[in-house]
C-alpha atoms as a PDB file:
ATOM      1  CA  MET A   1      85.385 117.852 117.183  1.00  0.00           C
ATOM      2  CA  MET A   2      83.838 114.923 118.407  1.00  0.00           C
ATOM      3  CA  THR A   3      80.972 114.482 115.551  1.00  0.00           C
ATOM      4  CA  ALA A   4      84.214 114.636 113.160  1.00  0.00           C
ATOM      5  CA  LEU A   5      86.064 112.244 114.426  1.00  0.00           C
ATOM      6  CA  LEU A   6      82.933 109.519 114.417  1.00  0.00           C
ATOM      7  CA  ALA A   7      82.339 110.311 110.854  1.00  0.00           C
ATOM      8  CA  ASP A   8      85.530 109.553 110.258  1.00  0.00           C
ATOM      9  CA  LYS A   9      85.281 106.542 112.527  1.00  0.00           C
ATOM     10  CA  GLU A  10      81.859 104.855 110.387  1.00  0.00           C
ATOM     11  CA  ALA A  11      83.303 106.094 107.275  1.00  0.00           C
ATOM     12  CA  PRO A  12      83.333 102.642 104.604  1.00  0.00           C
ATOM     13  CA  ALA A  13      86.783 101.207 104.061  1.00  0.00           C
ATOM     14  CA  VAL A  14      88.640 101.703 101.186  1.00  0.00           C
ATOM     15  CA  PRO A  15      91.559 100.812 100.331  1.00  0.00           C
ATOM     16  CA  VAL A  16      94.629 103.884 100.360  1.00  0.00           C
ATOM     17  CA  GLY A  17      97.168 104.362  97.707  1.00  0.00           C
ATOM     18  CA  SER A  18      97.371 106.665  94.741  1.00  0.00           C
ATOM     19  CA  THR A  19      95.190 107.827  92.045  1.00  0.00           C
ATOM     20  CA  LEU A  20      95.132 109.709  89.008  1.00  0.00           C
ATOM     21  CA  SER A  21      93.179 111.938  86.805  1.00  0.00           C
ATOM     22  CA  ILE A  22      92.290 110.987  82.861  1.00  0.00           C
ATOM     23  CA  TYR A  23      92.897 115.169  83.046  1.00  0.00           C
ATOM     24  CA  ASP A  24      96.334 114.592  84.273  1.00  0.00           C
ATOM     25  CA  PRO A  25      99.325 113.994  82.078  1.00  0.00           C
ATOM     26  CA  ILE A  26     100.639 110.602  81.064  1.00  0.00           C
ATOM     27  CA  PHE A  27     104.198 109.459  81.549  1.00  0.00           C
ATOM     28  CA  LEU A  28     104.979 107.668  78.250  1.00  0.00           C
ATOM     29  CA  GLY A  29     108.876 107.496  79.096  1.00  0.00           C
ATOM     30  CA  ILE A  30     111.563 109.621  78.243  1.00  0.00           C
ATOM     31  CA  ASP A  31     113.603 111.253  75.134  1.00  0.00           C
ATOM     32  CA  GLU A  32     116.872 111.391  73.911  1.00  0.00           C
ATOM     33  CA  PHE A  33     118.170 113.674  77.043  1.00  0.00           C
ATOM     34  CA  GLY A  34     116.599 111.308  79.324  1.00  0.00           C
ATOM     35  CA  ALA A  35     113.788 114.370  80.209  1.00  0.00           C
ATOM     36  CA  HIS A  36     110.384 112.351  80.488  1.00  0.00           C
ATOM     37  CA  VAL A  37     107.899 112.483  77.886  1.00  0.00           C
ATOM     38  CA  ASN A  38     104.389 113.035  78.993  1.00  0.00           C
ATOM     39  CA  LEU A  39     101.165 113.052  76.899  1.00  0.00           C
ATOM     40  CA  GLU A  40      97.825 115.400  77.715  1.00  0.00           C
ATOM     41  CA  LEU A  41      94.805 112.810  76.411  1.00  0.00           C
ATOM     42  CA  MET A  42      91.931 114.514  76.068  1.00  0.00           C
ATOM     43  CA  GLY A  43      90.496 116.092  73.683  1.00  0.00           C
ATOM     44  CA  ARG A  44      93.106 113.893  71.071  1.00  0.00           C
ATOM     45  CA  ASN A  45      93.435 110.377  69.565  1.00  0.00           C
ATOM     46  CA  ILE A  46      96.694 109.154  69.304  1.00  0.00           C
ATOM     47  CA  LEU A  47      97.707 106.373  66.585  1.00  0.00           C
ATOM     48  CA  VAL A  48     100.306 103.905  67.343  1.00  0.00           C
ATOM     49  CA  GLY A  49     102.256 101.609  64.442  1.00  0.00           C
ATOM     50  CA  GLY A  50     105.049  99.679  63.999  1.00  0.00           C
ATOM     51  CA  GLU A  51     106.285  96.462  63.035  1.00  0.00           C
ATOM     52  CA  PRO A  52     105.517  93.560  65.624  1.00  0.00           C
ATOM     53  CA  GLY A  53     107.812  93.323  68.891  1.00  0.00           C
ATOM     54  CA  GLY A  54     108.796  96.816  68.711  1.00  0.00           C
ATOM     55  CA  GLY A  55     107.237  98.099  72.162  1.00  0.00           C
ATOM     56  CA  LYS A  56     103.490  99.140  70.735  1.00  0.00           C
ATOM     57  CA  SER A  57     102.315  97.029  73.381  1.00  0.00           C
ATOM     58  CA  GLY A  58     104.437  98.446  76.194  1.00  0.00           C
ATOM     59  CA  PHE A  59     103.024 101.673  75.018  1.00  0.00           C
ATOM     60  CA  LEU A  60      99.257 100.655  74.897  1.00  0.00           C
ATOM     61  CA  ASN A  61      99.875  99.065  78.814  1.00  0.00           C
ATOM     62  CA  ALA A  62     101.212 102.455  80.226  1.00  0.00           C
ATOM     63  CA  ILE A  63      98.405 104.313  78.841  1.00  0.00           C
ATOM     64  CA  THR A  64      95.966 102.035  80.071  1.00  0.00           C
ATOM     65  CA  ALA A  65      97.437 101.550  83.651  1.00  0.00           C
ATOM     66  CA  HIS A  66      97.108 105.627  83.618  1.00  0.00           C
ATOM     67  CA  ALA A  67      93.837 105.383  82.959  1.00  0.00           C
ATOM     68  CA  ALA A  68      92.904 102.074  85.127  1.00  0.00           C
ATOM     69  CA  LEU A  69      94.246 104.035  87.647  1.00  0.00           C
ATOM     70  CA  SER A  70      91.839 106.842  86.969  1.00  0.00           C
ATOM     71  CA  THR A  71      88.781 106.654  88.727  1.00  0.00           C
ATOM     72  CA  ASP A  72      87.166 109.478  86.848  1.00  0.00           C
ATOM     73  CA  CYS A  73      87.888 107.623  83.595  1.00  0.00           C
ATOM     74  CA  ARG A  74      85.639 104.235  81.709  1.00  0.00           C
ATOM     75  CA  LEU A  75      87.534 101.884  79.650  1.00  0.00           C
ATOM     76  CA  VAL A  76      86.109 100.273  76.799  1.00  0.00           C
ATOM     77  CA  LEU A  77      89.094  97.700  75.148  1.00  0.00           C
ATOM     78  CA  PHE A  78      89.447  95.719  71.815  1.00  0.00           C
ATOM     79  CA  ASP A  79      92.369  92.749  71.894  1.00  0.00           C
ATOM     80  CA  GLY A  80      92.006  90.758  69.047  1.00  0.00           C
ATOM     81  CA  LYS A  81      94.570  88.321  70.709  1.00  0.00           C
ATOM     82  CA  LEU A  82      93.376  88.657  74.671  1.00  0.00           C
ATOM     83  CA  VAL A  83      96.633  88.708  75.962  1.00  0.00           C
ATOM     84  CA  GLU A  84      98.115  92.460  75.330  1.00  0.00           C
ATOM     85  CA  LEU A  85      95.375  94.226  77.434  1.00  0.00           C
ATOM     86  CA  GLY A  86      93.750  90.991  78.910  1.00  0.00           C
ATOM     87  CA  GLN A  87      94.928  91.665  81.995  1.00  0.00           C
ATOM     88  CA  TRP A  88      93.278  95.067  82.697  1.00  0.00           C
ATOM     89  CA  GLU A  89      89.692  93.349  81.516  1.00  0.00           C
ATOM     90  CA  ASP A  90      88.106  94.003  85.560  1.00  0.00           C
ATOM     91  CA  CYS A  91      88.633  97.246  85.098  1.00  0.00           C
ATOM     92  CA  ALA A  92      86.716  97.877  81.759  1.00  0.00           C
ATOM     93  CA  ASP A  93      83.306  98.135  81.429  1.00  0.00           C
ATOM     94  CA  GLU A  94      83.608  96.363  77.655  1.00  0.00           C
ATOM     95  CA  PHE A  95      86.231  93.670  77.028  1.00  0.00           C
ATOM     96  CA  VAL A  96      86.101  92.909  72.993  1.00  0.00           C
ATOM     97  CA  GLY A  97      88.105  90.202  72.075  1.00  0.00           C
ATOM     98  CA  PHE A  98      88.321  88.150  68.577  1.00  0.00           C
ATOM     99  CA  ASP A  99      84.313  88.165  68.111  1.00  0.00           C
ATOM    100  CA  PRO A 100      83.399  90.458  65.058  1.00  0.00           C
ATOM    101  CA  GLU A 101      79.908  90.421  66.066  1.00  0.00           C
ATOM    102  CA  ARG A 102      80.430  91.963  69.717  1.00  0.00           C
ATOM    103  CA  ALA A 103      82.869  94.236  68.520  1.00  0.00           C
ATOM    104  CA  ILE A 104      80.415  95.961  65.610  1.00  0.00           C
ATOM    105  CA  ARG A 105      78.079  96.446  68.987  1.00  0.00           C
ATOM    106  CA  VAL A 106      80.285  97.493  71.206  1.00  0.00           C
ATOM    107  CA  MET A 107      81.317 100.153  68.679  1.00  0.00           C
ATOM    108  CA  ALA A 108      77.721 100.902  67.813  1.00  0.00           C
ATOM    109  CA  ARG A 109      76.773 101.934  71.780  1.00  0.00           C
ATOM    110  CA  LEU A 110      80.273 104.122  71.923  1.00  0.00           C
ATOM    111  CA  SER A 111      78.259 105.641  68.784  1.00  0.00           C
ATOM    112  CA  ALA A 112      75.484 105.880  70.488  1.00  0.00           C
ATOM    113  CA  LEU A 113      76.966 107.500  73.682  1.00  0.00           C
ATOM    114  CA  MET A 114      78.679 109.753  71.410  1.00  0.00           C
ATOM    115  CA  ASN A 115      75.110 110.502  69.944  1.00  0.00           C
ATOM    116  CA  ASN A 116      73.474 111.209  73.040  1.00  0.00           C
ATOM    117  CA  ARG A 117      76.449 113.353  74.787  1.00  0.00           C
ATOM    118  CA  TYR A 118      76.691 115.934  71.802  1.00  0.00           C
ATOM    119  CA  THR A 119      72.775 116.263  71.858  1.00  0.00           C
ATOM    120  CA  TRP A 120      73.355 116.866  75.700  1.00  0.00           C
ATOM    121  CA  MET A 121      76.040 119.854  74.863  1.00  0.00           C
ATOM    122  CA  HIS A 122      74.235 121.197  72.152  1.00  0.00           C
ATOM    123  CA  ALA A 123      71.202 121.813  74.850  1.00  0.00           C
ATOM    124  CA  LYS A 124      73.671 122.814  77.219  1.00  0.00           C
ATOM    125  CA  GLY A 125      75.633 125.375  74.706  1.00  0.00           C
ATOM    126  CA  ILE A 126      78.953 123.351  75.307  1.00  0.00           C
ATOM    127  CA  ARG A 127      81.470 122.646  72.758  1.00  0.00           C
ATOM    128  CA  LYS A 128      83.929 120.452  74.357  1.00  0.00           C
ATOM    129  CA  LEU A 129      83.672 118.592  77.212  1.00  0.00           C
ATOM    130  CA  ASP A 130      86.108 118.600  80.787  1.00  0.00           C
ATOM    131  CA  TRP A 131      86.025 118.273  84.484  1.00  0.00           C
ATOM    132  CA  THR A 132      83.786 120.716  85.003  1.00  0.00           C
ATOM    133  CA  HIS A 133      80.795 118.947  83.549  1.00  0.00           C
ATOM    134  CA  GLY A 134      80.464 116.480  85.679  1.00  0.00           C
ATOM    135  CA  LEU A 135      80.656 112.960  82.894  1.00  0.00           C
ATOM    136  CA  ASP A 136      83.234 110.831  82.854  1.00  0.00           C
ATOM    137  CA  PRO A 137      85.791 110.366  79.870  1.00  0.00           C
ATOM    138  CA  VAL A 138      85.219 107.390  77.807  1.00  0.00           C
ATOM    139  CA  LEU A 139      88.674 106.330  77.022  1.00  0.00           C
ATOM    140  CA  THR A 140      88.814 103.167  74.231  1.00  0.00           C
ATOM    141  CA  VAL A 141      91.968 101.216  73.381  1.00  0.00           C
ATOM    142  CA  ILE A 142      92.063  99.160  70.320  1.00  0.00           C
ATOM    143  CA  ASP A 143      95.199  96.763  70.063  1.00  0.00           C
ATOM    144  CA  GLU A 144      95.669  95.620  66.457  1.00  0.00           C
ATOM    145  CA  PHE A 145      92.298  97.410  65.008  1.00  0.00           C
ATOM    146  CA  ALA A 146      93.311  95.651  61.230  1.00  0.00           C
ATOM    147  CA  LEU A 147      92.111  92.797  63.058  1.00  0.00           C
ATOM    148  CA  TYR A 148      88.498  94.126  63.367  1.00  0.00           C
ATOM    149  CA  THR A 149      89.254  95.730  59.580  1.00  0.00           C
ATOM    150  CA  ALA A 150      90.742  93.295  57.405  1.00  0.00           C
ATOM    151  CA  THR A 151      90.956  90.400  58.960  1.00  0.00           C
ATOM    152  CA  TYR A 152      88.009  88.657  61.006  1.00  0.00           C
ATOM    153  CA  GLY A 153      84.608  88.419  60.321  1.00  0.00           C
ATOM    154  CA  ASP A 154      83.221  89.450  56.206  1.00  0.00           C
ATOM    155  CA  LYS A 155      83.561  91.990  53.953  1.00  0.00           C
ATOM    156  CA  LYS A 156      80.521  93.276  55.335  1.00  0.00           C
ATOM    157  CA  THR A 157      81.310  92.964  59.076  1.00  0.00           C
ATOM    158  CA  GLN A 158      84.582  94.926  58.491  1.00  0.00           C
ATOM    159  CA  GLU A 159      82.779  97.672  56.743  1.00  0.00           C
ATOM    160  CA  GLN A 160      80.695  97.967  59.687  1.00  0.00           C
ATOM    161  CA  PHE A 161      83.264  98.190  62.138  1.00  0.00           C
ATOM    162  CA  THR A 162      85.697 100.427  60.157  1.00  0.00           C
ATOM    163  CA  ALA A 163      82.901 103.602  59.448  1.00  0.00           C
ATOM    164  CA  LEU A 164      81.924 102.879  62.937  1.00  0.00           C
ATOM    165  CA  PHE A 165      85.748 102.929  64.226  1.00  0.00           C
ATOM    166  CA  ARG A 166      85.992 106.417  62.034  1.00  0.00           C
ATOM    167  CA  ASP A 167      83.538 107.901  63.186  1.00  0.00           C
ATOM    168  CA  LEU A 168      84.554 107.348  66.819  1.00  0.00           C
ATOM    169  CA  VAL A 169      88.084 109.068  65.975  1.00  0.00           C
ATOM    170  CA  ALA A 170      86.559 111.816  64.527  1.00  0.00           C
ATOM    171  CA  ARG A 171      83.694 112.634  66.308  1.00  0.00           C
ATOM    172  CA  GLY A 172      84.328 111.186  69.966  1.00  0.00           C
ATOM    173  CA  ARG A 173      87.774 113.749  71.287  1.00  0.00           C
ATOM    174  CA  ALA A 174      85.410 116.679  71.734  1.00  0.00           C
ATOM    175  CA  CYS A 175      82.887 114.863  74.173  1.00  0.00           C
ATOM    176  CA  GLY A 176      85.486 113.321  76.061  1.00  0.00           C
ATOM    177  CA  MET A 177      85.373 109.853  74.256  1.00  0.00           C
ATOM    178  CA  PRO A 178      89.339 109.751  72.748  1.00  0.00           C
ATOM    179  CA  VAL A 179      90.597 106.771  71.194  1.00  0.00           C
ATOM    180  CA  VAL A 180      93.957 104.679  71.490  1.00  0.00           C
ATOM    181  CA  ALA A 181      94.962 102.418  68.029  1.00  0.00           C
ATOM    182  CA  ALA A 182      97.729 100.477  67.382  1.00  0.00           C
ATOM    183  CA  THR A 183      98.401  98.305  64.511  1.00  0.00           C
ATOM    184  CA  GLN A 184     101.452  95.808  63.214  1.00  0.00           C
ATOM    185  CA  ARG A 185     100.179  96.586  59.536  1.00  0.00           C
ATOM    186  CA  PRO A 186     100.864 100.125  58.747  1.00  0.00           C
ATOM    187  CA  SER A 187     100.036 100.220  55.030  1.00  0.00           C
ATOM    188  CA  SER A 188      97.555 102.657  53.265  1.00  0.00           C
ATOM    189  CA  ASP A 189      95.176  99.941  52.913  1.00  0.00           C
ATOM    190  CA  ILE A 190      94.770  99.866  56.803  1.00  0.00           C
ATOM    191  CA  VAL A 191      95.762 103.471  57.755  1.00  0.00           C
ATOM    192  CA  PRO A 192      94.552 105.597  54.531  1.00  0.00           C
ATOM    193  CA  THR A 193      95.478 108.874  55.110  1.00  0.00           C
ATOM    194  CA  SER A 194      91.708 110.000  55.603  1.00  0.00           C
ATOM    195  CA  LEU A 195      91.972 107.744  59.080  1.00  0.00           C
ATOM    196  CA  ARG A 196      95.380 108.813  60.187  1.00  0.00           C
ATOM    197  CA  ASP A 197      95.205 112.706  59.636  1.00  0.00           C
ATOM    198  CA  LEU A 198      92.111 112.306  62.592  1.00  0.00           C
ATOM    199  CA  PHE A 199      94.965 111.398  64.629  1.00  0.00           C
ATOM    200  CA  ALA A 200      96.483 114.354  66.757  1.00  0.00           C
ATOM    201  CA  TYR A 201      99.272 112.175  68.012  1.00  0.00           C
ATOM    202  CA  ARG A 202     101.464 109.555  65.862  1.00  0.00           C
ATOM    203  CA  CYS A 203     103.793 106.882  67.875  1.00  0.00           C
ATOM    204  CA  ALA A 204     105.917 105.352  65.299  1.00  0.00           C
ATOM    205  CA  PHE A 205     107.949 102.364  66.148  1.00  0.00           C
ATOM    206  CA  ARG A 206     110.595 100.223  64.314  1.00  0.00           C
ATOM    207  CA  CYS A 207     108.762  99.926  60.576  1.00  0.00           C
ATOM    208  CA  THR A 208     110.451  97.384  58.278  1.00  0.00           C
ATOM    209  CA  THR A 209     110.173 100.158  55.124  1.00  0.00           C
ATOM    210  CA  VAL A 210     110.398 103.905  54.967  1.00  0.00           C
ATOM    211  CA  GLY A 211     106.784 104.195  53.461  1.00  0.00           C
ATOM    212  CA  SER A 212     105.162 102.556  56.803  1.00  0.00           C
ATOM    213  CA  SER A 213     106.355 104.992  58.652  1.00  0.00           C
ATOM    214  CA  ASP A 214     105.189 108.151  56.602  1.00  0.00           C
ATOM    215  CA  VAL A 215     102.064 106.088  56.761  1.00  0.00           C
ATOM    216  CA  VAL A 216     101.887 106.365  60.919  1.00  0.00           C
ATOM    217  CA  LEU A 217     104.073 109.144  60.768  1.00  0.00           C
ATOM    218  CA  GLY A 218     102.328 111.614  57.951  1.00  0.00           C
ATOM    219  CA  HIS A 219     104.078 111.576  54.211  1.00  0.00           C
ATOM    220  CA  GLY A 220     107.583 114.044  54.076  1.00  0.00           C
ATOM    221  CA  TRP A 221     108.486 112.925  57.195  1.00  0.00           C
ATOM    222  CA  VAL A 222     111.114 110.627  55.877  1.00  0.00           C
ATOM    223  CA  SER A 223     112.116 113.085  53.565  1.00  0.00           C
ATOM    224  CA  ARG A 224     113.244 115.181  56.028  1.00  0.00           C
ATOM    225  CA  GLY A 225     114.757 113.060  58.210  1.00  0.00           C
ATOM    226  CA  TYR A 226     112.718 111.181  60.308  1.00  0.00           C
ATOM    227  CA  SER A 227     112.153 107.604  59.953  1.00  0.00           C
ATOM    228  CA  ALA A 228     111.263 104.537  62.188  1.00  0.00           C
ATOM    229  CA  ALA A 229     112.836 102.718  59.425  1.00  0.00           C
ATOM    230  CA  ASP A 230     116.420 103.475  61.176  1.00  0.00           C
ATOM    231  CA  ILE A 231     115.219 101.917  64.953  1.00  0.00           C
ATOM    232  CA  LEU A 232     117.815  99.478  65.461  1.00  0.00           C
ATOM    233  CA  PRO A 233     115.555  95.888  65.673  1.00  0.00           C
ATOM    234  CA  THR A 234     117.774  95.317  69.396  1.00  0.00           C
ATOM    235  CA  ASN A 235     116.130  98.729  70.511  1.00  0.00           C
ATOM    236  CA  GLN A 236     113.008  97.931  71.803  1.00  0.00           C
ATOM    237  CA  GLY A 237     110.901 100.714  72.713  1.00  0.00           C
ATOM    238  CA  GLU A 238     112.480 103.336  70.458  1.00  0.00           C
ATOM    239  CA  ALA A 239     109.570 105.291  68.923  1.00  0.00           C
ATOM    240  CA  LEU A 240     109.101 108.769  67.381  1.00  0.00           C
ATOM    241  CA  LEU A 241     106.081 110.724  68.297  1.00  0.00           C
ATOM    242  CA  LEU A 242     104.624 113.226  66.489  1.00  0.00           C
ATOM    243  CA  SER A 243     102.358 115.429  68.565  1.00  0.00           C
ATOM    244  CA  GLU A 244      99.960 118.078  67.089  1.00  0.00           C
ATOM    245  CA  GLY A 245     101.752 121.172  65.216  1.00  0.00           C
ATOM    246  CA  GLY A 246     105.136 119.599  66.235  1.00  0.00           C
ATOM    247  CA  THR A 247     107.898 117.386  65.169  1.00  0.00           C
ATOM    248  CA  PRO A 248     108.775 114.084  65.655  1.00  0.00           C
ATOM    249  CA  ARG A 249     110.289 113.525  68.674  1.00  0.00           C
ATOM    250  CA  SER A 250     112.517 110.173  69.390  1.00  0.00           C
ATOM    251  CA  ILE A 251     111.138 108.302  72.702  1.00  0.00           C
ATOM    252  CA  LYS A 252     111.992 105.259  74.931  1.00  0.00           C
ATOM    253  CA  GLY A 253     108.733 103.922  75.796  1.00  0.00           C
ATOM    254  CA  SER A 254     108.498 103.000  79.506  1.00  0.00           C
ATOM    255  CA  PHE A 255     107.779  99.418  80.396  1.00  0.00           C
ATOM    256  CA  LEU A 256     105.685  97.647  82.775  1.00  0.00           C
ATOM    257  CA  THR A 257     106.874  93.569  83.470  1.00  0.00           C
ATOM    258  CA  ASP A 258     103.557  91.273  83.299  1.00  0.00           C
ATOM    259  CA  ALA A 259     103.929  91.022  87.283  1.00  0.00           C
ATOM    260  CA  GLN A 260     103.725  95.294  87.597  1.00  0.00           C
ATOM    261  CA  ILE A 261     100.932  95.017  85.468  1.00  0.00           C
ATOM    262  CA  LYS A 262      99.017  92.743  87.375  1.00  0.00           C
ATOM    263  CA  SER A 263      99.899  94.419  90.688  1.00  0.00           C
ATOM    264  CA  ILE A 264      98.203  97.867  89.053  1.00  0.00           C
ATOM    265  CA  ALA A 265      95.284  95.964  87.368  1.00  0.00           C
ATOM    266  CA  ASP A 266      94.005  94.494  90.601  1.00  0.00           C
ATOM    267  CA  TYR A 267      94.315  97.351  92.546  1.00  0.00           C
ATOM    268  CA  ALA A 268      92.973  99.649  89.894  1.00  0.00           C
ATOM    269  CA  ALA A 269      89.939  96.855  89.742  1.00  0.00           C
ATOM    270  CA  TRP A 270      89.518  97.469  93.771  1.00  0.00           C
ATOM    271  CA  ILE A 271      89.222 100.877  93.838  1.00  0.00           C
ATOM    272  CA  ARG A 272      86.240 101.248  90.459  1.00  0.00           C
ATOM    273  CA  ARG A 273      85.126  99.117  93.173  1.00  0.00           C
ATOM    274  CA  PRO A 274      84.699 100.601  96.192  1.00  0.00           C
ATOM    275  CA  ASN A 275      81.689  99.041  97.366  1.00  0.00           C
ATOM    276  CA  ARG A 276      83.569  95.831  97.675  1.00  0.00           C
ATOM    277  CA  LEU A 277      84.728  95.568 101.321  1.00  0.00           C
ATOM    278  CA  GLU A 278      80.956  97.025 102.039  1.00  0.00           C
ATOM    279  CA  ASN A 279      79.239  94.161 100.310  1.00  0.00           C
ATOM    280  CA  GLN A 280      81.222  91.815 102.464  1.00  0.00           C
ATOM    281  CA  ARG A 281      80.367  92.736 105.867  1.00  0.00           C
END
C-alpha cells in the first residue's frame, strides 16, 4: 500500500478532465424528434455541403472538438480562411491556410504515411486498422476544399491537390486516416459523382438549388422528397444527413460559441502535451 501511495505521489502532474476516443460515437446534434444524433467516424469519410451561413462550420467544429479531445487521434487541418478552424491550430500536427504549395506538401506527406501504413498492414496480414493495432488514427478536416482544387494556385497545383485529395479519400479510411471535407460550392465540377461516392456519410445544409442538394446527397434524393433546398434560410444548423445504406435524416446540428471553442481547444492542446508541466519544473 505504501509503495502504491508513493508511486501516485511521485507521478507527474497532469490536467484532470474528460478525454474521449476517436472510436467513440461523435455527437452531432438532434433529430426532428429530439433524439441525439451520433456518428461513428472511423472507417468512413464525411462530405459536407451547403450555402454560406448554413451551419457547415459549426458541424466541422463539433467533429474537430471531439477529435481534439481524443488523445488517440492526430489532427491535420486545412482552412483556406484561417478563421473557421483556426482556434484548433495548437491541437493539430499540421494546420494549412491559403498556401497552395504547403497544402500539396502536407497532402503528399499524408499520402506517404498512407502508403507506409498499407505496407505495414500487408506485412502483418491486416485488412483494416482498429484500436488494437497501436497506430493512432489521423483525421484530416478540410474547410472549403474548393479553394485548393479550383481557386488557389494555378491549374497544375490545383490538379496536384485534387489527385492527392481524391487518393486520400479513396484509400485512407481503412488505414485509420478518415477525411471530413466541406464546401459551399456543391456543384458537379467541384464535387463530381466519382468523388462524392467515396464518402459514406454526406451532410447537406441549406442549398440554393435542388441540383446542389443532389450533388451532396446523391442523384435522385430530391425526387424522393429529400431536398436541402427546402430548408428555410432562417433555420441555420438544419441539415439532411445521409449515412451509408440509409435515407437522409433531418438533423439540427450542435453549435459551439467562439468562447466555448477557445476553452475546449485550450484544454485539448494542454492534454495533447502532457510534458508541459514536467518541463516547467
